[in-house]
N, C-alpha and C. Protein backbone atom coordinates (compact mmCIF):
# COMPACT_ATOMS: atom_id res chain seq x y z
N MET A 1 94.10 82.80 116.87
CA MET A 1 94.37 81.51 116.24
C MET A 1 93.48 81.30 115.01
N LYS A 2 92.26 81.82 115.10
CA LYS A 2 91.36 81.71 113.95
C LYS A 2 91.92 82.48 112.76
N THR A 3 92.46 83.68 113.04
CA THR A 3 93.06 84.48 111.97
C THR A 3 94.26 83.77 111.35
N VAL A 4 95.11 83.19 112.20
CA VAL A 4 96.27 82.45 111.71
C VAL A 4 95.82 81.30 110.82
N ASP A 5 94.80 80.57 111.24
CA ASP A 5 94.30 79.44 110.46
C ASP A 5 93.77 79.89 109.10
N ASN A 6 92.98 80.97 109.10
CA ASN A 6 92.42 81.48 107.84
C ASN A 6 93.51 81.95 106.89
N VAL A 7 94.46 82.71 107.43
CA VAL A 7 95.52 83.27 106.59
C VAL A 7 96.42 82.16 106.04
N MET A 8 96.78 81.19 106.87
CA MET A 8 97.64 80.10 106.40
C MET A 8 96.96 79.27 105.32
N THR A 9 95.66 79.09 105.45
CA THR A 9 94.91 78.33 104.45
C THR A 9 94.95 79.01 103.09
N ILE A 10 94.63 80.30 103.08
CA ILE A 10 94.64 81.02 101.81
C ILE A 10 96.05 81.21 101.29
N TRP A 11 97.03 81.37 102.19
CA TRP A 11 98.43 81.55 101.80
C TRP A 11 98.94 80.30 101.06
N MET A 12 98.65 79.13 101.60
CA MET A 12 99.10 77.89 100.97
C MET A 12 98.42 77.67 99.63
N GLU A 13 97.16 78.07 99.54
CA GLU A 13 96.44 77.94 98.26
C GLU A 13 97.06 78.84 97.20
N VAL A 14 97.34 80.09 97.59
CA VAL A 14 97.96 81.04 96.66
C VAL A 14 99.33 80.53 96.23
N GLN A 15 100.12 80.06 97.18
CA GLN A 15 101.47 79.57 96.85
C GLN A 15 101.41 78.39 95.90
N ARG A 16 100.49 77.46 96.15
CA ARG A 16 100.37 76.28 95.30
C ARG A 16 100.00 76.66 93.86
N ASN A 17 99.03 77.55 93.70
CA ASN A 17 98.61 77.96 92.35
C ASN A 17 99.63 78.86 91.69
N TRP A 18 100.31 79.70 92.49
CA TRP A 18 101.37 80.55 91.94
C TRP A 18 102.51 79.70 91.37
N MET A 19 102.91 78.67 92.10
CA MET A 19 104.00 77.79 91.64
C MET A 19 103.62 77.09 90.34
N LYS A 20 102.35 76.75 90.18
CA LYS A 20 101.89 76.05 88.98
C LYS A 20 101.85 76.95 87.76
N LEU A 21 101.46 78.21 87.96
CA LEU A 21 101.25 79.11 86.83
C LEU A 21 102.43 80.03 86.54
N GLN A 22 103.33 80.20 87.50
CA GLN A 22 104.44 81.15 87.32
C GLN A 22 105.29 80.85 86.07
N PRO A 23 105.74 79.59 85.86
CA PRO A 23 106.54 79.34 84.66
C PRO A 23 105.74 79.48 83.36
N ILE A 24 104.43 79.35 83.45
CA ILE A 24 103.59 79.44 82.26
C ILE A 24 103.45 80.90 81.82
N PHE A 25 103.03 81.76 82.75
CA PHE A 25 102.77 83.15 82.40
C PHE A 25 104.03 84.00 82.35
N CYS A 26 105.07 83.60 83.04
CA CYS A 26 106.28 84.43 83.09
C CYS A 26 107.37 83.95 82.12
N ASP A 27 107.36 82.67 81.76
CA ASP A 27 108.44 82.13 80.93
C ASP A 27 108.02 81.70 79.54
N SER A 28 106.72 81.46 79.32
CA SER A 28 106.26 80.97 78.02
C SER A 28 105.95 82.15 77.09
N GLU A 29 106.75 82.30 76.04
CA GLU A 29 106.54 83.39 75.09
C GLU A 29 105.22 83.22 74.34
N ASP A 30 104.83 81.97 74.09
CA ASP A 30 103.58 81.73 73.37
C ASP A 30 102.38 82.21 74.18
N ILE A 31 102.36 81.89 75.47
CA ILE A 31 101.25 82.31 76.32
C ILE A 31 101.25 83.83 76.48
N ARG A 32 102.42 84.42 76.62
CA ARG A 32 102.51 85.88 76.77
C ARG A 32 101.98 86.59 75.53
N ALA A 33 102.19 85.97 74.36
CA ALA A 33 101.70 86.57 73.12
C ALA A 33 100.19 86.37 72.96
N GLN A 34 99.71 85.19 73.38
CA GLN A 34 98.29 84.87 73.20
C GLN A 34 97.41 85.49 74.28
N LEU A 35 97.93 85.62 75.49
CA LEU A 35 97.16 86.17 76.62
C LEU A 35 97.93 87.33 77.25
N PRO A 36 98.12 88.43 76.51
CA PRO A 36 98.95 89.54 77.02
C PRO A 36 98.39 90.20 78.28
N ASP A 37 97.08 90.43 78.33
CA ASP A 37 96.49 91.10 79.49
C ASP A 37 96.61 90.25 80.74
N ASP A 38 96.30 88.96 80.62
CA ASP A 38 96.39 88.07 81.78
C ASP A 38 97.84 87.86 82.19
N SER A 39 98.75 87.86 81.23
CA SER A 39 100.17 87.72 81.56
C SER A 39 100.65 88.92 82.39
N ARG A 40 100.23 90.12 81.98
CA ARG A 40 100.62 91.32 82.75
C ARG A 40 99.99 91.29 84.15
N LYS A 41 98.75 90.83 84.21
CA LYS A 41 98.08 90.74 85.51
C LYS A 41 98.81 89.75 86.42
N PHE A 42 99.22 88.62 85.86
CA PHE A 42 99.93 87.64 86.68
C PHE A 42 101.30 88.15 87.10
N GLU A 43 101.97 88.90 86.22
CA GLU A 43 103.28 89.45 86.57
C GLU A 43 103.18 90.39 87.78
N GLN A 44 102.11 91.16 87.85
CA GLN A 44 101.92 92.05 88.99
C GLN A 44 101.74 91.24 90.28
N VAL A 45 100.92 90.17 90.18
CA VAL A 45 100.73 89.30 91.34
C VAL A 45 102.07 88.66 91.72
N ASP A 46 102.82 88.24 90.72
CA ASP A 46 104.11 87.59 90.95
C ASP A 46 105.05 88.50 91.75
N GLN A 47 105.15 89.75 91.34
CA GLN A 47 106.02 90.70 92.03
C GLN A 47 105.56 90.94 93.47
N GLN A 48 104.26 91.14 93.65
CA GLN A 48 103.72 91.44 94.98
C GLN A 48 103.82 90.23 95.91
N PHE A 49 103.56 89.04 95.34
CA PHE A 49 103.63 87.84 96.17
C PHE A 49 105.06 87.56 96.61
N ARG A 50 106.01 87.80 95.72
CA ARG A 50 107.42 87.62 96.09
C ARG A 50 107.80 88.58 97.23
N GLU A 51 107.25 89.79 97.20
CA GLU A 51 107.53 90.74 98.26
C GLU A 51 106.95 90.26 99.59
N VAL A 52 105.74 89.70 99.55
CA VAL A 52 105.14 89.14 100.76
C VAL A 52 106.00 88.01 101.31
N MET A 53 106.52 87.18 100.42
CA MET A 53 107.36 86.05 100.86
C MET A 53 108.68 86.54 101.45
N ARG A 54 109.23 87.61 100.89
CA ARG A 54 110.47 88.18 101.45
C ARG A 54 110.22 88.72 102.85
N GLU A 55 109.07 89.37 103.03
CA GLU A 55 108.74 89.89 104.34
C GLU A 55 108.57 88.76 105.35
N ALA A 56 107.95 87.66 104.91
CA ALA A 56 107.75 86.52 105.80
C ALA A 56 109.09 85.87 106.16
N LYS A 57 110.03 85.90 105.23
CA LYS A 57 111.35 85.33 105.51
C LYS A 57 112.10 86.19 106.55
N GLU A 58 111.95 87.50 106.43
CA GLU A 58 112.61 88.41 107.38
C GLU A 58 111.97 88.36 108.76
N GLU A 59 110.65 88.10 108.79
CA GLU A 59 109.93 88.01 110.06
C GLU A 59 109.18 86.68 110.08
N PRO A 60 109.88 85.56 110.39
CA PRO A 60 109.31 84.24 110.23
C PRO A 60 108.30 83.81 111.29
N GLY A 61 108.04 84.64 112.27
CA GLY A 61 107.06 84.28 113.29
C GLY A 61 105.68 84.15 112.68
N VAL A 62 105.03 83.01 112.86
CA VAL A 62 103.77 82.75 112.17
C VAL A 62 102.68 83.73 112.59
N ILE A 63 102.62 84.09 113.87
CA ILE A 63 101.56 84.99 114.34
C ILE A 63 101.74 86.38 113.75
N SER A 64 102.97 86.91 113.82
CA SER A 64 103.22 88.24 113.27
C SER A 64 103.03 88.25 111.75
N ALA A 65 103.42 87.16 111.07
CA ALA A 65 103.27 87.09 109.61
C ALA A 65 101.81 87.05 109.20
N CYS A 66 101.00 86.33 109.96
CA CYS A 66 99.59 86.15 109.60
C CYS A 66 98.70 87.29 110.07
N THR A 67 99.11 88.01 111.09
CA THR A 67 98.28 89.09 111.61
C THR A 67 98.76 90.46 111.15
N TYR A 68 99.73 90.47 110.23
CA TYR A 68 100.23 91.74 109.68
C TYR A 68 99.06 92.48 109.03
N ASP A 69 99.01 93.77 109.23
CA ASP A 69 97.88 94.57 108.78
C ASP A 69 97.64 94.42 107.27
N GLY A 70 96.46 93.95 106.90
CA GLY A 70 96.09 93.81 105.49
C GLY A 70 96.58 92.53 104.84
N ARG A 71 97.24 91.66 105.60
CA ARG A 71 97.82 90.44 105.01
C ARG A 71 96.73 89.53 104.41
N GLU A 72 95.67 89.29 105.17
CA GLU A 72 94.62 88.40 104.67
C GLU A 72 93.93 88.98 103.43
N GLU A 73 93.70 90.27 103.42
CA GLU A 73 93.03 90.91 102.29
C GLU A 73 93.88 90.81 101.02
N ILE A 74 95.19 91.06 101.14
CA ILE A 74 96.06 91.01 99.95
C ILE A 74 96.18 89.59 99.42
N LEU A 75 96.21 88.61 100.31
CA LEU A 75 96.28 87.22 99.86
C LEU A 75 95.00 86.80 99.16
N ASN A 76 93.86 87.29 99.65
CA ASN A 76 92.59 87.00 98.97
C ASN A 76 92.56 87.65 97.59
N THR A 77 93.16 88.84 97.49
CA THR A 77 93.25 89.49 96.18
C THR A 77 94.12 88.68 95.23
N PHE A 78 95.26 88.19 95.73
CA PHE A 78 96.12 87.33 94.92
C PHE A 78 95.35 86.11 94.43
N ALA A 79 94.60 85.49 95.33
CA ALA A 79 93.86 84.27 94.99
C ALA A 79 92.86 84.56 93.87
N HIS A 80 92.18 85.69 93.96
CA HIS A 80 91.19 86.05 92.94
C HIS A 80 91.87 86.31 91.59
N GLU A 81 92.97 87.06 91.61
CA GLU A 81 93.68 87.38 90.36
C GLU A 81 94.24 86.12 89.70
N ILE A 82 94.82 85.24 90.50
CA ILE A 82 95.38 84.00 89.96
C ILE A 82 94.27 83.14 89.39
N GLU A 83 93.13 83.09 90.05
CA GLU A 83 92.00 82.31 89.55
C GLU A 83 91.52 82.85 88.20
N THR A 84 91.51 84.17 88.07
CA THR A 84 91.12 84.79 86.79
C THR A 84 92.09 84.41 85.68
N CYS A 85 93.39 84.44 85.98
CA CYS A 85 94.41 84.07 84.99
C CYS A 85 94.29 82.61 84.60
N GLU A 86 94.06 81.76 85.59
CA GLU A 86 93.94 80.33 85.32
C GLU A 86 92.72 80.03 84.46
N LYS A 87 91.63 80.74 84.71
CA LYS A 87 90.43 80.57 83.91
C LYS A 87 90.68 80.96 82.46
N ALA A 88 91.38 82.08 82.25
CA ALA A 88 91.71 82.51 80.89
C ALA A 88 92.60 81.49 80.19
N LEU A 89 93.55 80.93 80.94
CA LEU A 89 94.45 79.92 80.39
C LEU A 89 93.67 78.68 79.97
N ASN A 90 92.75 78.23 80.82
CA ASN A 90 91.96 77.04 80.51
C ASN A 90 91.06 77.26 79.29
N GLU A 91 90.53 78.48 79.16
CA GLU A 91 89.71 78.80 77.99
C GLU A 91 90.55 78.78 76.71
N TYR A 92 91.77 79.28 76.82
CA TYR A 92 92.69 79.27 75.68
C TYR A 92 93.01 77.84 75.25
N LEU A 93 93.30 76.98 76.24
CA LEU A 93 93.61 75.58 75.94
C LEU A 93 92.39 74.86 75.38
N GLU A 94 91.22 75.22 75.87
CA GLU A 94 89.99 74.60 75.39
C GLU A 94 89.77 74.89 73.91
N GLN A 95 90.11 76.10 73.47
CA GLN A 95 90.00 76.44 72.06
C GLN A 95 90.89 75.55 71.20
N LYS A 96 92.10 75.29 71.69
CA LYS A 96 93.03 74.43 70.95
C LYS A 96 92.51 73.00 70.91
N LYS A 97 91.93 72.54 72.02
CA LYS A 97 91.40 71.18 72.08
C LYS A 97 90.22 70.99 71.14
N LYS A 98 89.43 72.03 70.95
CA LYS A 98 88.29 71.93 70.05
C LYS A 98 88.73 71.79 68.59
N ILE A 99 89.88 72.39 68.26
CA ILE A 99 90.40 72.28 66.90
C ILE A 99 91.00 70.89 66.67
N PHE A 100 91.83 70.43 67.62
CA PHE A 100 92.44 69.10 67.52
C PHE A 100 92.04 68.32 68.76
N SER A 101 90.99 67.54 68.66
CA SER A 101 90.35 66.95 69.83
C SER A 101 91.25 65.95 70.57
N ARG A 102 92.30 65.45 69.92
CA ARG A 102 93.20 64.52 70.60
C ARG A 102 94.02 65.21 71.68
N PHE A 103 94.00 66.53 71.72
CA PHE A 103 94.64 67.25 72.82
C PHE A 103 93.97 66.96 74.15
N TYR A 104 92.74 66.44 74.11
CA TYR A 104 92.05 66.08 75.35
C TYR A 104 92.75 64.92 76.05
N PHE A 105 93.55 64.15 75.31
CA PHE A 105 94.28 63.02 75.89
C PHE A 105 95.56 63.48 76.58
N VAL A 106 95.93 64.74 76.40
CA VAL A 106 97.22 65.27 76.87
C VAL A 106 97.00 66.13 78.11
N SER A 107 97.90 66.03 79.08
CA SER A 107 97.80 66.88 80.26
C SER A 107 98.00 68.34 79.86
N ASN A 108 97.46 69.26 80.66
CA ASN A 108 97.59 70.68 80.34
C ASN A 108 99.05 71.12 80.28
N GLN A 109 99.89 70.57 81.16
CA GLN A 109 101.30 70.95 81.15
C GLN A 109 101.97 70.50 79.85
N ASN A 110 101.68 69.27 79.42
CA ASN A 110 102.25 68.79 78.16
C ASN A 110 101.68 69.56 76.97
N LEU A 111 100.41 69.90 77.06
CA LEU A 111 99.80 70.68 75.97
C LEU A 111 100.47 72.04 75.85
N LEU A 112 100.80 72.66 76.97
CA LEU A 112 101.51 73.94 76.94
C LEU A 112 102.88 73.78 76.30
N ASP A 113 103.55 72.66 76.59
CA ASP A 113 104.85 72.40 75.97
C ASP A 113 104.69 72.24 74.46
N ILE A 114 103.63 71.57 74.04
CA ILE A 114 103.36 71.37 72.61
C ILE A 114 103.13 72.72 71.93
N LEU A 115 102.27 73.53 72.53
CA LEU A 115 101.93 74.82 71.93
C LEU A 115 103.12 75.77 71.88
N SER A 116 103.94 75.74 72.92
CA SER A 116 105.10 76.64 72.96
C SER A 116 106.19 76.19 71.98
N ASN A 117 106.14 74.93 71.54
CA ASN A 117 107.12 74.41 70.58
C ASN A 117 106.47 74.10 69.23
N GLY A 118 105.35 74.76 68.96
CA GLY A 118 104.59 74.46 67.75
C GLY A 118 105.38 74.59 66.46
N GLN A 119 106.33 75.52 66.43
CA GLN A 119 107.14 75.72 65.21
C GLN A 119 108.35 74.79 65.17
N ASN A 120 108.44 73.90 66.15
CA ASN A 120 109.51 72.91 66.18
C ASN A 120 108.88 71.52 66.24
N PRO A 121 108.45 70.98 65.08
CA PRO A 121 107.75 69.69 65.06
C PRO A 121 108.53 68.55 65.71
N GLU A 122 109.85 68.62 65.69
CA GLU A 122 110.63 67.56 66.32
C GLU A 122 110.44 67.55 67.83
N LYS A 123 110.20 68.72 68.43
CA LYS A 123 109.88 68.79 69.86
C LYS A 123 108.46 68.28 70.11
N VAL A 124 107.54 68.64 69.24
CA VAL A 124 106.15 68.18 69.35
C VAL A 124 106.09 66.66 69.26
N ASP A 125 106.98 66.09 68.48
CA ASP A 125 107.01 64.63 68.27
C ASP A 125 107.19 63.87 69.59
N GLU A 126 107.80 64.51 70.59
CA GLU A 126 108.00 63.87 71.89
C GLU A 126 106.67 63.52 72.56
N PHE A 127 105.60 64.22 72.16
CA PHE A 127 104.29 64.02 72.78
C PHE A 127 103.30 63.34 71.84
N ILE A 128 103.77 62.93 70.65
CA ILE A 128 102.86 62.40 69.64
C ILE A 128 102.18 61.11 70.11
N GLY A 129 102.90 60.32 70.92
CA GLY A 129 102.32 59.08 71.43
C GLY A 129 101.18 59.31 72.39
N ASP A 130 101.15 60.49 73.05
CA ASP A 130 100.03 60.81 73.94
C ASP A 130 98.77 61.11 73.14
N CYS A 131 98.96 61.59 71.92
CA CYS A 131 97.81 61.94 71.08
C CYS A 131 97.27 60.75 70.30
N PHE A 132 98.16 59.84 69.89
CA PHE A 132 97.75 58.71 69.07
C PHE A 132 98.14 57.40 69.76
N ASP A 133 97.15 56.66 70.18
CA ASP A 133 97.39 55.39 70.85
C ASP A 133 98.05 54.41 69.88
N GLY A 134 99.13 53.78 70.29
CA GLY A 134 99.82 52.82 69.44
C GLY A 134 100.92 53.43 68.59
N LEU A 135 101.01 54.75 68.58
CA LEU A 135 102.04 55.42 67.79
C LEU A 135 103.17 55.87 68.69
N LYS A 136 104.40 55.55 68.29
CA LYS A 136 105.57 55.95 69.08
C LYS A 136 106.05 57.33 68.66
N ASN A 137 106.30 57.50 67.37
CA ASN A 137 106.69 58.81 66.86
C ASN A 137 106.57 58.82 65.35
N ILE A 138 106.91 59.96 64.76
CA ILE A 138 106.93 60.08 63.31
C ILE A 138 108.37 60.25 62.85
N ARG A 139 108.63 59.91 61.60
CA ARG A 139 110.00 59.97 61.09
C ARG A 139 110.18 61.18 60.19
N PHE A 140 111.11 62.05 60.59
CA PHE A 140 111.39 63.25 59.82
C PHE A 140 112.46 62.99 58.77
N ILE A 141 112.39 63.74 57.69
CA ILE A 141 113.43 63.68 56.67
C ILE A 141 114.55 64.60 57.12
N LYS A 142 115.72 64.02 57.34
CA LYS A 142 116.86 64.79 57.82
C LYS A 142 118.05 64.58 56.89
N GLY A 143 118.97 65.49 56.97
CA GLY A 143 120.17 65.37 56.15
C GLY A 143 120.85 66.71 56.00
N PRO A 144 121.98 66.75 55.31
CA PRO A 144 122.73 68.00 55.17
C PRO A 144 121.97 69.08 54.42
N ASN A 145 120.98 68.69 53.63
CA ASN A 145 120.23 69.68 52.85
C ASN A 145 118.99 70.19 53.58
N TYR A 146 118.79 69.69 54.81
CA TYR A 146 117.61 70.10 55.59
C TYR A 146 118.05 70.84 56.85
N VAL A 147 117.37 71.93 57.12
CA VAL A 147 117.70 72.70 58.32
C VAL A 147 116.96 72.12 59.51
N TYR A 148 117.49 72.40 60.72
CA TYR A 148 116.80 71.99 61.95
C TYR A 148 115.93 73.14 62.43
N PRO A 149 114.72 72.88 62.89
CA PRO A 149 114.10 71.55 62.94
C PRO A 149 113.48 71.18 61.60
N SER A 150 113.54 69.90 61.28
CA SER A 150 112.92 69.42 60.05
C SER A 150 111.41 69.50 60.17
N LYS A 151 110.75 69.90 59.10
CA LYS A 151 109.29 69.96 59.09
C LYS A 151 108.68 68.99 58.08
N LYS A 152 109.53 68.19 57.47
CA LYS A 152 109.06 67.21 56.48
C LYS A 152 109.04 65.82 57.11
N VAL A 153 107.91 65.15 56.99
CA VAL A 153 107.70 63.84 57.61
C VAL A 153 107.46 62.81 56.51
N GLU A 154 108.15 61.66 56.62
CA GLU A 154 108.01 60.64 55.60
C GLU A 154 107.23 59.41 56.05
N GLY A 155 107.02 59.25 57.36
CA GLY A 155 106.28 58.07 57.81
C GLY A 155 106.06 58.07 59.31
N MET A 156 105.49 56.98 59.80
CA MET A 156 105.18 56.87 61.23
C MET A 156 105.66 55.52 61.76
N ILE A 157 105.97 55.50 63.07
CA ILE A 157 106.52 54.31 63.71
C ILE A 157 105.62 53.92 64.88
N ALA A 158 105.20 52.65 64.90
CA ALA A 158 104.32 52.15 65.96
C ALA A 158 105.12 51.87 67.23
N ASN A 159 104.41 51.66 68.32
CA ASN A 159 105.07 51.34 69.60
C ASN A 159 105.94 50.10 69.48
N GLU A 160 105.52 49.15 68.65
CA GLU A 160 106.28 47.91 68.49
C GLU A 160 107.44 48.05 67.51
N GLY A 161 107.60 49.24 66.93
CA GLY A 161 108.71 49.47 66.02
C GLY A 161 108.36 49.36 64.55
N GLU A 162 107.15 48.97 64.23
CA GLU A 162 106.75 48.83 62.83
C GLU A 162 106.71 50.20 62.15
N TYR A 163 107.30 50.29 60.97
CA TYR A 163 107.36 51.55 60.24
C TYR A 163 106.38 51.53 59.07
N VAL A 164 105.67 52.62 58.88
CA VAL A 164 104.73 52.77 57.77
C VAL A 164 105.08 54.03 57.00
N GLN A 165 105.41 53.86 55.73
CA GLN A 165 105.75 54.99 54.86
C GLN A 165 104.47 55.71 54.45
N PHE A 166 104.47 57.04 54.53
CA PHE A 166 103.31 57.81 54.10
C PHE A 166 103.16 57.75 52.58
N SER A 167 101.95 57.99 52.11
CA SER A 167 101.67 58.00 50.67
C SER A 167 102.47 59.09 49.96
N GLU A 168 102.76 60.18 50.70
CA GLU A 168 103.59 61.26 50.16
C GLU A 168 104.21 62.00 51.33
N VAL A 169 105.19 62.82 51.05
CA VAL A 169 105.87 63.57 52.11
C VAL A 169 104.89 64.58 52.70
N PHE A 170 104.85 64.61 54.03
CA PHE A 170 103.96 65.53 54.74
C PHE A 170 104.79 66.67 55.34
N GLU A 171 104.27 67.90 55.26
CA GLU A 171 104.97 69.07 55.81
C GLU A 171 104.18 69.67 56.97
N CYS A 172 104.87 69.93 58.08
CA CYS A 172 104.26 70.51 59.27
C CYS A 172 104.33 72.03 59.18
N ASN A 173 103.31 72.62 58.58
CA ASN A 173 103.29 74.07 58.40
C ASN A 173 102.10 74.68 59.12
N GLY A 174 102.26 75.90 59.61
CA GLY A 174 101.16 76.60 60.27
C GLY A 174 101.11 76.31 61.75
N ALA A 175 99.94 76.59 62.34
CA ALA A 175 99.74 76.36 63.77
C ALA A 175 99.76 74.87 64.07
N VAL A 176 100.29 74.50 65.23
CA VAL A 176 100.48 73.09 65.55
C VAL A 176 99.16 72.33 65.57
N GLU A 177 98.09 72.95 66.09
CA GLU A 177 96.81 72.24 66.15
C GLU A 177 96.26 71.97 64.76
N ASN A 178 96.62 72.82 63.79
CA ASN A 178 96.14 72.63 62.42
C ASN A 178 96.95 71.56 61.68
N TYR A 179 98.28 71.62 61.82
CA TYR A 179 99.04 70.61 61.08
C TYR A 179 98.93 69.22 61.70
N LEU A 180 98.57 69.14 62.98
CA LEU A 180 98.31 67.81 63.55
C LEU A 180 97.01 67.23 63.02
N CYS A 181 96.02 68.08 62.75
CA CYS A 181 94.79 67.62 62.09
C CYS A 181 95.12 67.08 60.70
N ASP A 182 95.96 67.81 59.96
CA ASP A 182 96.36 67.36 58.63
C ASP A 182 97.19 66.08 58.70
N LEU A 183 98.02 65.96 59.74
CA LEU A 183 98.82 64.75 59.92
C LEU A 183 97.92 63.54 60.15
N GLU A 184 96.88 63.74 60.95
CA GLU A 184 95.94 62.65 61.22
C GLU A 184 95.27 62.19 59.92
N ARG A 185 94.90 63.14 59.07
CA ARG A 185 94.29 62.78 57.79
C ARG A 185 95.28 62.06 56.88
N MET A 186 96.57 62.45 56.96
CA MET A 186 97.59 61.75 56.18
C MET A 186 97.73 60.31 56.65
N MET A 187 97.70 60.08 57.96
CA MET A 187 97.75 58.72 58.49
C MET A 187 96.58 57.89 57.97
N GLN A 188 95.40 58.47 58.01
CA GLN A 188 94.20 57.76 57.57
C GLN A 188 94.27 57.43 56.07
N ARG A 189 94.71 58.42 55.28
CA ARG A 189 94.79 58.21 53.83
C ARG A 189 95.82 57.14 53.49
N THR A 190 96.95 57.18 54.19
CA THR A 190 97.99 56.17 53.95
C THR A 190 97.49 54.76 54.24
N LEU A 191 96.85 54.59 55.39
CA LEU A 191 96.34 53.26 55.76
C LEU A 191 95.22 52.82 54.84
N ARG A 192 94.42 53.77 54.36
CA ARG A 192 93.36 53.43 53.41
C ARG A 192 93.96 52.95 52.08
N ASP A 193 95.02 53.62 51.63
CA ASP A 193 95.68 53.22 50.38
C ASP A 193 96.30 51.83 50.52
N ILE A 194 96.95 51.60 51.66
CA ILE A 194 97.57 50.28 51.89
C ILE A 194 96.50 49.19 51.93
N LEU A 195 95.39 49.48 52.59
CA LEU A 195 94.31 48.50 52.70
C LEU A 195 93.71 48.20 51.32
N ASP A 196 93.61 49.23 50.49
CA ASP A 196 93.07 49.05 49.14
C ASP A 196 93.94 48.12 48.32
N VAL A 197 95.27 48.33 48.40
CA VAL A 197 96.19 47.45 47.68
C VAL A 197 96.16 46.05 48.25
N ALA A 198 96.12 45.95 49.58
CA ALA A 198 96.09 44.64 50.22
C ALA A 198 94.85 43.86 49.81
N LYS A 199 93.71 44.54 49.72
CA LYS A 199 92.47 43.87 49.31
C LYS A 199 92.58 43.37 47.87
N THR A 200 93.18 44.18 47.01
CA THR A 200 93.31 43.78 45.60
C THR A 200 94.19 42.55 45.46
N THR A 201 95.33 42.52 46.17
CA THR A 201 96.21 41.37 46.06
C THR A 201 95.65 40.15 46.78
N ALA A 202 94.78 40.37 47.75
CA ALA A 202 94.17 39.24 48.47
C ALA A 202 93.24 38.45 47.56
N ASP A 203 92.76 39.09 46.51
CA ASP A 203 91.86 38.40 45.59
C ASP A 203 92.55 37.26 44.85
N SER A 204 93.91 37.24 44.89
CA SER A 204 94.65 36.20 44.16
C SER A 204 95.05 35.03 45.04
N TRP A 205 94.54 34.96 46.28
CA TRP A 205 94.90 33.88 47.20
C TRP A 205 94.66 32.50 46.61
N ASP A 206 93.53 32.33 45.96
CA ASP A 206 93.10 31.00 45.54
C ASP A 206 93.34 30.73 44.06
N LEU A 207 94.24 31.54 43.45
CA LEU A 207 94.47 31.38 42.01
C LEU A 207 95.54 30.35 41.69
N GLY A 208 96.11 29.76 42.72
CA GLY A 208 97.03 28.66 42.48
C GLY A 208 98.48 29.07 42.43
N GLU A 209 99.27 28.26 41.71
CA GLU A 209 100.72 28.43 41.68
C GLU A 209 101.09 29.78 41.05
N GLY A 210 102.13 30.39 41.59
CA GLY A 210 102.59 31.67 41.07
C GLY A 210 102.05 32.86 41.85
N PHE A 211 101.06 32.61 42.71
CA PHE A 211 100.50 33.68 43.52
C PHE A 211 100.83 33.44 44.99
N LYS A 212 100.92 34.50 45.73
CA LYS A 212 101.33 34.38 47.13
C LYS A 212 100.26 33.71 47.98
N LYS A 213 100.73 32.87 48.89
CA LYS A 213 99.82 32.27 49.86
C LYS A 213 99.44 33.31 50.90
N ARG A 214 98.40 33.00 51.64
CA ARG A 214 97.86 33.98 52.59
C ARG A 214 98.90 34.38 53.64
N HIS A 215 99.65 33.41 54.18
CA HIS A 215 100.61 33.73 55.23
C HIS A 215 101.79 34.54 54.68
N GLU A 216 102.09 34.40 53.38
CA GLU A 216 103.14 35.20 52.75
C GLU A 216 102.62 36.62 52.44
N TRP A 217 101.40 36.68 51.99
CA TRP A 217 100.76 37.96 51.67
C TRP A 217 100.69 38.85 52.91
N LEU A 218 100.48 38.23 54.06
CA LEU A 218 100.32 38.96 55.30
C LEU A 218 101.56 39.80 55.65
N GLU A 219 102.74 39.28 55.28
CA GLU A 219 103.99 39.97 55.63
C GLU A 219 104.26 41.19 54.77
N ASP A 220 103.47 41.38 53.71
CA ASP A 220 103.71 42.50 52.78
C ASP A 220 103.09 43.81 53.24
N TYR A 221 102.25 43.75 54.25
CA TYR A 221 101.50 44.94 54.66
C TYR A 221 101.58 45.16 56.17
N CYS A 222 101.44 46.41 56.56
CA CYS A 222 101.52 46.73 57.98
C CYS A 222 100.34 46.12 58.74
N ALA A 223 100.55 45.89 60.03
CA ALA A 223 99.52 45.22 60.83
C ALA A 223 98.20 46.01 60.84
């Protein structure tokens, strides 16, 4: 019974971690390209673990399944290999987070989706609100003269629906973590330019007739 308990504990741990990492290392082309050695290592574990599960299905008795010769040792090996792969994955994600620190606000699963769709900014836009509090999405320039996915951005939209036009058209080029850094700087520059104009026009509040009142001036600029 002690053997059954030990084997079932490690078996469930392996299965839980395998289910979490299998679509990442086996289905994500980006991860396979960035972590080729760990991807191959996980693929070997994937094949062997599937074989163990097939054997357990054919012989579903818990005692025979758990006391099969070498079963505990192979499961411990799986656990070690999966842990190594997961550590490499976390280190890879940490590198991306250091470049664009707002990735720390995003779950690892969503971050993987962002990285795997880095060359499709319209897909990345689905997660933009997780990176920027108060931002719903960005507005792409679309039309018959633009191919999908569009990489040209003309402005940003707040959660409340308020639209802010960028100072100039922004292009999402290069690695996703790099162009998101550039996008953040574009947002800052745009708001700085708007604030500069708003401050200049605010100086005319008290100049009398012909100039906008404060409550009218307020409607000319984003919140």
